[in-house]
Amino acid sequence: MNFPIRLMLTGGGTGGHLFPAIATAEALCNRLPGSEVLFVGTKRKMDKTSLEQYGYATRSIHSKGLKGKKLFSLFQGLLILPISCLEAIFHIVRFRPHIVVGVGGYVTGPVILAARLLGKPTLIHEQNSVPGLANRKLGSLVSKICLSLPGSEKSFPEEKTILTGNPVRKELLELSKNRDNSKRDTFTLLVLGGSLGAHRINELVTGAFSRGFTGMEKMKVIHQTGPLDTDTVKADYKKNKINATVAPFFNDMAAIYREADLLVSRAGATTLAELSVLGKPAILIPYPYAADNHQKKNAEFYVNGGGARMFIEKNLTAEILAEHLAKLVGDYEKLEKMGAAMYSKAFPKAAERIVDECLALVK
């Protein structure tokens, strides 16, 4: 196929859903110049701002999550579902996509359902090792299911699934071509808590520096705190005389990743896909309240391969974290081995594989 197509993407609610969608859109537009992309998502400001930054048109519909909600919120979510579907039908009729692709999140449900009612080819992409509620329910409706991690195929009709990996944005793929884990003058620790930050990780990392460990005086820290803890974390690093760059959120992740020698991070699927493509070793602290404990299961894929170490949050203290940081900081030989193991689990062609599946359905 060599003519432009119209792709509708739907999903959102977290950066983990958003960034694979952006990567897929980039791969399609690179292969078929002139293709149009429309993203139908939530009303979250972060979703809209991130997509507009990449130049993609956005639309939003009214939608609420259903899983784990109390009775009143569940009733609200069910009540708004017909409205969500009607809004989705409106956007599909107006945009006339050749295919509709869902990347997860509760907004995916009504849009994919509307697409099926209108006879459009549909595909979903599952980022996590344990599929979310929306994708599990949609598995029987869609034409194709693209998976990021082995094992998640158990939740779907086997004949529809294909392991593609989790797409990574173009600027990170470019960075991965020039991986450099050699020894540097300053050792840089990157701390990530997901797109909204992680209060407990902020406490553990700053607590580790407060207790002190070998090599920390020569370190640089880049710390993404989320919106609530920025001032507190800055003050803690200043008190301990640590060279630290602290911000609620970093937009230029390629520049941040380029500096990192080691990460302390949550175990969101998209973050792990980025770390594997870049070959970055990590200490992983899965979010303990993730649906179906999927972050722990995400992490196990990389930990079992030797690319990362995992700690369960309730068992981890600042003292234990300081002890393990001391063992890794400056040990470039060990970190190089971990980085190589991380890279061995990467799917750098994930976006292209998803585009292949989309175009096959369009044909």
Protein backbone atom coordinates (compact mmCIF):
# COMPACT_ATOMS: atom_id res chain seq x y z
CA MET A 1 0.00 0.00 0.00
CA ASN A 2 1.49 3.36 -0.98
CA PHE A 3 -1.36 5.86 -0.56
CA PRO A 4 -2.02 7.99 2.56
CA ILE A 5 -4.65 6.77 5.01
CA ARG A 6 -6.66 8.26 7.86
CA LEU A 7 -5.87 6.73 11.25
CA MET A 8 -7.98 7.30 14.33
CA LEU A 9 -6.23 6.56 17.63
CA THR A 10 -8.02 6.36 20.93
CA GLY A 11 -6.90 5.97 24.52
CA GLY A 12 -5.21 8.00 27.19
CA GLY A 13 -5.44 8.88 30.82
CA THR A 14 -1.70 8.29 31.38
CA GLY A 15 1.50 8.92 29.44
CA GLY A 16 1.85 5.14 29.25
CA HIS A 17 -1.11 4.99 26.90
CA LEU A 18 -0.35 8.22 25.09
CA PHE A 19 3.27 7.78 24.05
CA PRO A 20 2.84 4.43 22.23
CA ALA A 21 0.01 6.07 20.27
CA ILE A 22 2.33 8.93 19.30
CA ALA A 23 5.01 6.44 18.24
CA THR A 24 2.52 4.54 16.08
CA ALA A 25 1.32 7.76 14.44
CA GLU A 26 4.94 8.77 13.74
CA ALA A 27 5.69 5.41 12.12
CA LEU A 28 2.59 5.59 9.91
CA CYS A 29 3.25 9.16 8.74
CA ASN A 30 6.89 8.30 8.07
CA ARG A 31 5.90 5.32 5.92
CA LEU A 32 2.92 6.92 4.17
CA PRO A 33 3.49 10.70 3.97
CA GLY A 34 0.28 12.66 3.83
CA SER A 35 -1.59 10.30 6.14
CA GLU A 36 -3.94 11.98 8.62
CA VAL A 37 -4.13 11.15 12.31
CA LEU A 38 -6.89 12.03 14.74
CA PHE A 39 -6.63 11.18 18.43
CA VAL A 40 -9.87 10.75 20.39
CA GLY A 41 -9.20 10.78 24.11
CA THR A 42 -10.05 12.20 27.49
CA LYS A 43 -10.36 15.84 28.45
CA ARG A 44 -7.11 15.70 30.45
CA LYS A 45 -4.93 18.72 29.77
CA MET A 46 -1.78 16.57 29.68
CA ASP A 47 -3.17 14.43 26.85
CA LYS A 48 -4.11 17.41 24.71
CA THR A 49 -0.88 19.33 25.38
CA SER A 50 1.35 16.33 24.59
CA LEU A 51 -0.46 15.53 21.35
CA GLU A 52 -0.50 19.13 20.14
CA GLN A 53 3.23 19.30 20.85
CA TYR A 54 3.67 16.57 18.23
CA GLY A 55 1.26 18.26 15.82
CA TYR A 56 -1.66 15.81 16.03
CA ALA A 57 -5.31 16.85 15.99
CA THR A 58 -7.35 15.84 19.05
CA ARG A 59 -10.98 15.38 19.98
CA SER A 60 -12.42 14.35 23.34
CA ILE A 61 -15.53 12.54 24.48
CA HIS A 62 -17.24 12.22 27.84
CA SER A 63 -16.14 8.98 29.45
CA LYS A 64 -15.61 7.51 32.92
CA GLY A 65 -13.81 4.45 34.19
CA LEU A 66 -15.81 1.50 35.54
CA LYS A 67 -13.32 -0.87 37.18
CA GLY A 68 -12.96 -0.63 40.95
CA LYS A 69 -15.45 2.22 41.27
CA LYS A 70 -17.94 2.67 44.09
CA LEU A 71 -21.61 2.19 43.30
CA PHE A 72 -22.43 5.84 42.54
CA SER A 73 -19.38 6.32 40.29
CA LEU A 74 -20.13 3.02 38.55
CA PHE A 75 -23.71 4.17 37.92
CA GLN A 76 -22.40 7.47 36.50
CA GLY A 77 -20.00 5.61 34.21
CA LEU A 78 -22.73 3.31 32.88
CA LEU A 79 -25.14 6.20 32.44
CA ILE A 80 -22.68 8.18 30.34
CA LEU A 81 -21.70 5.22 28.13
CA PRO A 82 -24.44 5.73 25.48
CA ILE A 83 -23.46 9.40 25.24
CA SER A 84 -19.80 8.38 24.82
CA CYS A 85 -20.73 6.05 21.96
CA LEU A 86 -22.82 8.72 20.21
CA GLU A 87 -19.96 11.23 20.49
CA ALA A 88 -17.54 8.63 19.13
CA ILE A 89 -19.87 7.86 16.20
CA PHE A 90 -19.98 11.59 15.41
CA HIS A 91 -16.19 11.87 15.28
CA ILE A 92 -15.83 8.69 13.19
CA VAL A 93 -18.45 9.78 10.65
CA ARG A 94 -16.82 13.19 10.38
CA PHE A 95 -13.19 11.98 10.12
CA ARG A 96 -13.93 8.85 8.03
CA PRO A 97 -10.90 6.82 9.25
CA HIS A 98 -9.67 3.80 7.33
CA ILE A 99 -8.93 2.09 10.68
CA VAL A 100 -9.45 2.78 14.40
CA VAL A 101 -6.72 1.76 16.87
CA GLY A 102 -7.17 1.63 20.66
CA VAL A 103 -4.18 1.88 23.00
CA GLY A 104 -5.91 1.32 26.34
CA GLY A 105 -7.73 3.34 28.95
CA TYR A 106 -11.46 3.55 29.57
CA VAL A 107 -12.07 5.96 26.67
CA THR A 108 -11.03 3.18 24.27
CA GLY A 109 -14.20 1.17 24.89
CA PRO A 110 -16.90 3.44 23.43
CA VAL A 111 -14.72 4.52 20.48
CA ILE A 112 -13.86 0.96 19.41
CA LEU A 113 -17.50 -0.10 19.91
CA ALA A 114 -18.67 2.79 17.74
CA ALA A 115 -16.11 1.88 15.06
CA ARG A 116 -17.36 -1.72 15.00
CA LEU A 117 -20.98 -0.53 14.69
CA LEU A 118 -19.93 1.54 11.68
CA GLY A 119 -18.06 -1.37 10.10
CA LYS A 120 -14.55 0.05 10.47
CA PRO A 121 -11.49 -2.22 10.87
CA THR A 122 -10.32 -2.12 14.50
CA LEU A 123 -7.12 -3.00 16.34
CA ILE A 124 -6.10 -2.69 19.98
CA HIS A 125 -2.62 -2.54 21.45
CA GLU A 126 -2.02 -3.84 24.98
CA GLN A 127 1.00 -2.38 26.78
CA ASN A 128 0.90 -4.38 30.01
CA SER A 129 1.58 -7.99 30.93
CA VAL A 130 -1.93 -8.11 32.44
CA PRO A 131 -4.48 -6.48 30.09
CA GLY A 132 -6.76 -3.77 31.42
CA LEU A 133 -10.52 -4.15 31.67
CA ALA A 134 -11.29 -2.13 28.52
CA ASN A 135 -8.95 -4.14 26.30
CA ARG A 136 -10.06 -7.49 27.76
CA LYS A 137 -13.69 -6.71 26.96
CA LEU A 138 -12.80 -5.47 23.48
CA GLY A 139 -10.73 -8.53 22.57
CA SER A 140 -13.70 -10.40 21.12
CA LEU A 141 -14.84 -7.36 19.08
CA VAL A 142 -11.68 -6.18 17.36
CA SER A 143 -9.99 -7.54 14.26
CA LYS A 144 -6.45 -7.71 15.68
CA ILE A 145 -4.69 -7.50 19.06
CA CYS A 146 -1.06 -6.37 19.31
CA LEU A 147 0.80 -7.33 22.48
CA SER A 148 3.84 -5.82 24.20
CA LEU A 149 4.91 -8.65 26.51
CA PRO A 150 4.79 -12.45 26.33
CA GLY A 151 2.06 -14.02 28.45
CA SER A 152 -0.70 -11.46 27.91
CA GLU A 153 -2.05 -13.50 24.98
CA LYS A 154 -3.80 -15.73 27.55
CA SER A 155 -6.41 -13.01 28.04
CA PHE A 156 -7.43 -12.82 24.37
CA PRO A 157 -8.61 -15.02 21.47
CA GLU A 158 -5.32 -16.62 20.43
CA GLU A 159 -5.91 -16.38 16.69
CA LYS A 160 -6.17 -12.57 16.89
CA THR A 161 -2.96 -11.86 18.81
CA ILE A 162 0.52 -10.95 17.64
CA LEU A 163 3.55 -9.98 19.75
CA THR A 164 4.77 -6.62 18.43
CA GLY A 165 6.31 -4.99 21.49
CA ASN A 166 5.48 -1.55 22.85
CA PRO A 167 6.18 1.41 20.48
CA VAL A 168 8.75 4.00 21.51
CA ARG A 169 8.81 7.58 20.27
CA LYS A 170 11.07 8.53 17.35
CA GLU A 171 13.46 10.73 19.35
CA LEU A 172 14.15 7.86 21.75
CA LEU A 173 14.72 5.39 18.91
CA GLU A 174 17.26 7.82 17.44
CA LEU A 175 18.98 8.03 20.83
CA SER A 176 19.07 4.23 21.09
CA LYS A 177 21.21 4.03 17.94
CA ASN A 178 24.01 5.77 19.84
CA ARG A 179 23.88 3.95 23.15
CA ASP A 180 26.77 4.93 25.41
CA ASN A 181 27.18 3.25 28.80
CA SER A 182 30.88 4.08 29.16
CA LYS A 183 32.36 5.62 32.28
CA ARG A 184 31.71 9.34 32.74
CA ASP A 185 33.12 12.03 34.98
CA THR A 186 29.80 12.38 36.81
CA PHE A 187 27.49 9.47 37.62
CA THR A 188 23.86 10.41 36.95
CA LEU A 189 20.88 8.83 38.68
CA LEU A 190 17.49 9.39 37.05
CA VAL A 191 14.39 9.05 39.25
CA LEU A 192 11.00 8.55 37.55
CA GLY A 193 7.67 7.99 39.22
CA GLY A 194 5.44 7.89 36.15
CA SER A 195 3.69 10.84 34.49
CA LEU A 196 2.12 11.95 37.79
CA GLY A 197 5.10 11.24 40.02
CA ALA A 198 5.29 8.84 42.98
CA HIS A 199 5.29 10.25 46.52
CA ARG A 200 6.73 7.09 48.11
CA ILE A 201 9.61 6.90 45.61
CA ASN A 202 10.35 10.57 46.31
CA GLU A 203 10.55 9.75 50.04
CA LEU A 204 12.70 6.64 49.55
CA VAL A 205 15.26 8.26 47.25
CA THR A 206 15.68 11.47 49.26
CA GLY A 207 15.76 9.33 52.42
CA ALA A 208 18.59 7.24 50.95
CA PHE A 209 20.64 10.38 50.30
CA SER A 210 19.87 11.72 53.78
CA ARG A 211 21.31 8.52 55.31
CA GLY A 212 24.33 8.67 53.03
CA PHE A 213 26.13 6.02 50.97
CA THR A 214 29.48 5.57 49.26
CA GLY A 215 29.88 7.63 46.10
CA MET A 216 26.88 9.89 46.49
CA GLU A 217 28.98 13.06 46.81
CA LYS A 218 30.14 12.61 43.18
CA MET A 219 26.67 11.98 41.81
CA LYS A 220 24.19 14.06 39.87
CA VAL A 221 20.47 13.37 40.31
CA ILE A 222 17.69 14.14 37.84
CA HIS A 223 14.39 13.67 39.66
CA GLN A 224 10.87 13.82 38.23
CA THR A 225 8.67 14.34 41.28
CA GLY A 226 5.16 14.88 39.98
CA PRO A 227 3.29 18.10 40.84
CA LEU A 228 3.04 17.81 44.64
CA ASP A 229 6.52 17.08 46.00
CA THR A 230 8.81 19.31 43.94
CA ASP A 231 9.67 21.90 46.59
CA THR A 232 10.17 19.31 49.34
CA VAL A 233 12.48 17.17 47.19
CA LYS A 234 14.50 20.21 46.11
CA ALA A 235 14.96 21.22 49.74
CA ASP A 236 16.09 17.71 50.73
CA TYR A 237 18.76 17.60 48.04
CA LYS A 238 19.95 21.10 48.89
CA LYS A 239 20.26 20.16 52.57
CA ASN A 240 22.39 17.16 51.66
CA LYS A 241 24.46 19.16 49.13
CA ILE A 242 23.50 16.91 46.22
CA ASN A 243 23.79 18.20 42.64
CA ALA A 244 20.14 17.72 41.59
CA THR A 245 17.81 18.82 38.81
CA VAL A 246 14.24 18.53 40.09
CA ALA A 247 11.00 19.12 38.18
CA PRO A 248 7.36 17.95 38.28
CA PHE A 249 7.63 16.59 34.72
CA PHE A 250 10.24 16.57 31.95
CA ASN A 251 9.12 17.09 28.35
CA ASP A 252 12.46 16.38 26.63
CA MET A 253 12.91 12.79 27.78
CA ALA A 254 15.58 12.06 25.17
CA ALA A 255 17.89 14.65 26.77
CA ILE A 256 17.15 13.27 30.25
CA TYR A 257 17.68 9.64 29.30
CA ARG A 258 20.93 10.52 27.50
CA GLU A 259 22.50 11.55 30.80
CA ALA A 260 21.25 8.65 32.91
CA ASP A 261 23.60 5.88 34.07
CA LEU A 262 21.04 4.22 36.36
CA LEU A 263 17.34 4.68 37.07
CA VAL A 264 15.06 4.33 40.05
CA SER A 265 11.62 3.98 38.54
CA ARG A 266 8.09 2.67 38.65
CA ALA A 267 7.42 -0.23 36.28
CA GLY A 268 4.92 1.19 33.83
CA ALA A 269 4.97 -0.67 30.52
CA THR A 270 5.92 2.33 28.40
CA THR A 271 8.75 3.41 30.70
CA LEU A 272 10.13 -0.15 30.62
CA ALA A 273 9.89 -0.26 26.82
CA GLU A 274 11.88 2.98 26.66
CA LEU A 275 14.52 1.72 29.11
CA SER A 276 14.95 -1.53 27.18
CA VAL A 277 15.36 0.21 23.82
CA LEU A 278 17.95 2.52 25.40
CA GLY A 279 19.66 -0.27 27.33
CA LYS A 280 19.37 1.52 30.67
CA PRO A 281 19.80 -0.50 33.91
CA ALA A 282 17.20 0.15 36.58
CA ILE A 283 16.04 -0.35 40.13
CA LEU A 284 12.29 -0.91 39.75
CA ILE A 285 9.68 -0.22 42.44
CA PRO A 286 6.31 -1.27 40.99
CA TYR A 287 3.25 0.76 41.91
CA PRO A 288 1.55 -1.50 44.48
CA TYR A 289 -2.01 -0.43 43.63
CA ALA A 290 -1.82 -0.94 39.87
CA ALA A 291 -4.77 -2.94 38.53
CA ASP A 292 -4.12 -6.69 38.84
CA ASN A 293 -0.62 -5.83 40.12
CA HIS A 294 0.40 -5.48 36.48
CA GLN A 295 3.48 -3.31 37.18
CA LYS A 296 5.07 -6.12 39.18
CA LYS A 297 4.40 -8.55 36.34
CA ASN A 298 5.75 -6.02 33.80
CA ALA A 299 8.96 -5.73 35.82
CA GLU A 300 9.48 -9.48 36.10
CA PHE A 301 10.04 -9.79 32.34
CA TYR A 302 13.08 -7.49 32.57
CA VAL A 303 14.29 -8.60 36.00
CA ASN A 304 14.35 -12.25 34.91
CA GLY A 305 16.50 -11.24 31.96
CA GLY A 306 19.05 -9.53 34.25
CA GLY A 307 18.42 -5.94 33.15
CA ALA A 308 16.87 -4.65 36.36
CA ARG A 309 16.41 -5.22 40.07
CA MET A 310 12.99 -5.08 41.64
CA PHE A 311 11.88 -4.15 45.15
CA ILE A 312 8.37 -4.42 46.54
CA GLU A 313 7.45 -1.02 47.95
CA LYS A 314 6.13 -2.23 51.33
CA ASN A 315 9.40 -4.10 51.97
CA LEU A 316 11.72 -1.31 50.84
CA THR A 317 13.26 1.24 53.20
CA ALA A 318 15.55 4.18 52.55
CA GLU A 319 18.38 2.21 54.21
CA ILE A 320 17.94 -0.77 51.87
CA LEU A 321 17.79 1.50 48.83
CA ALA A 322 20.94 3.35 49.94
CA GLU A 323 22.72 0.01 50.34
CA HIS A 324 21.86 -1.10 46.80
CA LEU A 325 22.66 2.28 45.27
CA ALA A 326 26.10 2.10 46.89
CA LYS A 327 26.70 -1.27 45.22
CA LEU A 328 25.79 -0.01 41.75
CA VAL A 329 27.00 3.60 41.66
CA GLY A 330 30.21 3.74 39.66
CA ASP A 331 30.32 0.00 38.93
CA TYR A 332 30.24 0.50 35.17
CA GLU A 333 31.10 -3.11 34.39
CA LYS A 334 28.03 -4.37 36.27
CA LEU A 335 25.85 -1.62 34.84
CA GLU A 336 27.04 -2.39 31.31
CA LYS A 337 25.98 -6.02 31.74
CA MET A 338 22.59 -4.95 33.09
CA GLY A 339 22.16 -2.48 30.24
CA ALA A 340 22.95 -5.13 27.64
CA ALA A 341 20.45 -7.49 29.29
CA MET A 342 17.83 -4.74 29.26
CA TYR A 343 18.45 -4.07 25.56
CA SER A 344 18.07 -7.78 24.76
CA LYS A 345 14.40 -7.47 25.81
CA ALA A 346 13.70 -4.51 23.52
CA PHE A 347 11.32 -4.32 20.55
CA PRO A 348 12.74 -1.39 18.55
CA LYS A 349 10.51 -2.16 15.54
CA ALA A 350 7.27 -2.28 17.56
CA ALA A 351 5.64 0.74 15.89
CA GLU A 352 6.45 -0.56 12.40
CA ARG A 353 4.95 -3.95 13.27
CA ILE A 354 1.73 -2.33 14.45
CA VAL A 355 1.56 -0.24 11.27
CA ASP A 356 2.04 -3.47 9.27
CA GLU A 357 -1.00 -4.96 11.02
CA CYS A 358 -3.05 -1.79 10.46
CA LEU A 359 -2.30 -1.71 6.74
CA ALA A 360 -3.08 -5.42 6.39
CA LEU A 361 -6.53 -4.76 7.88
CA VAL A 362 -7.09 -1.72 5.63
CA LYS A 363 -6.30 -3.82 2.55
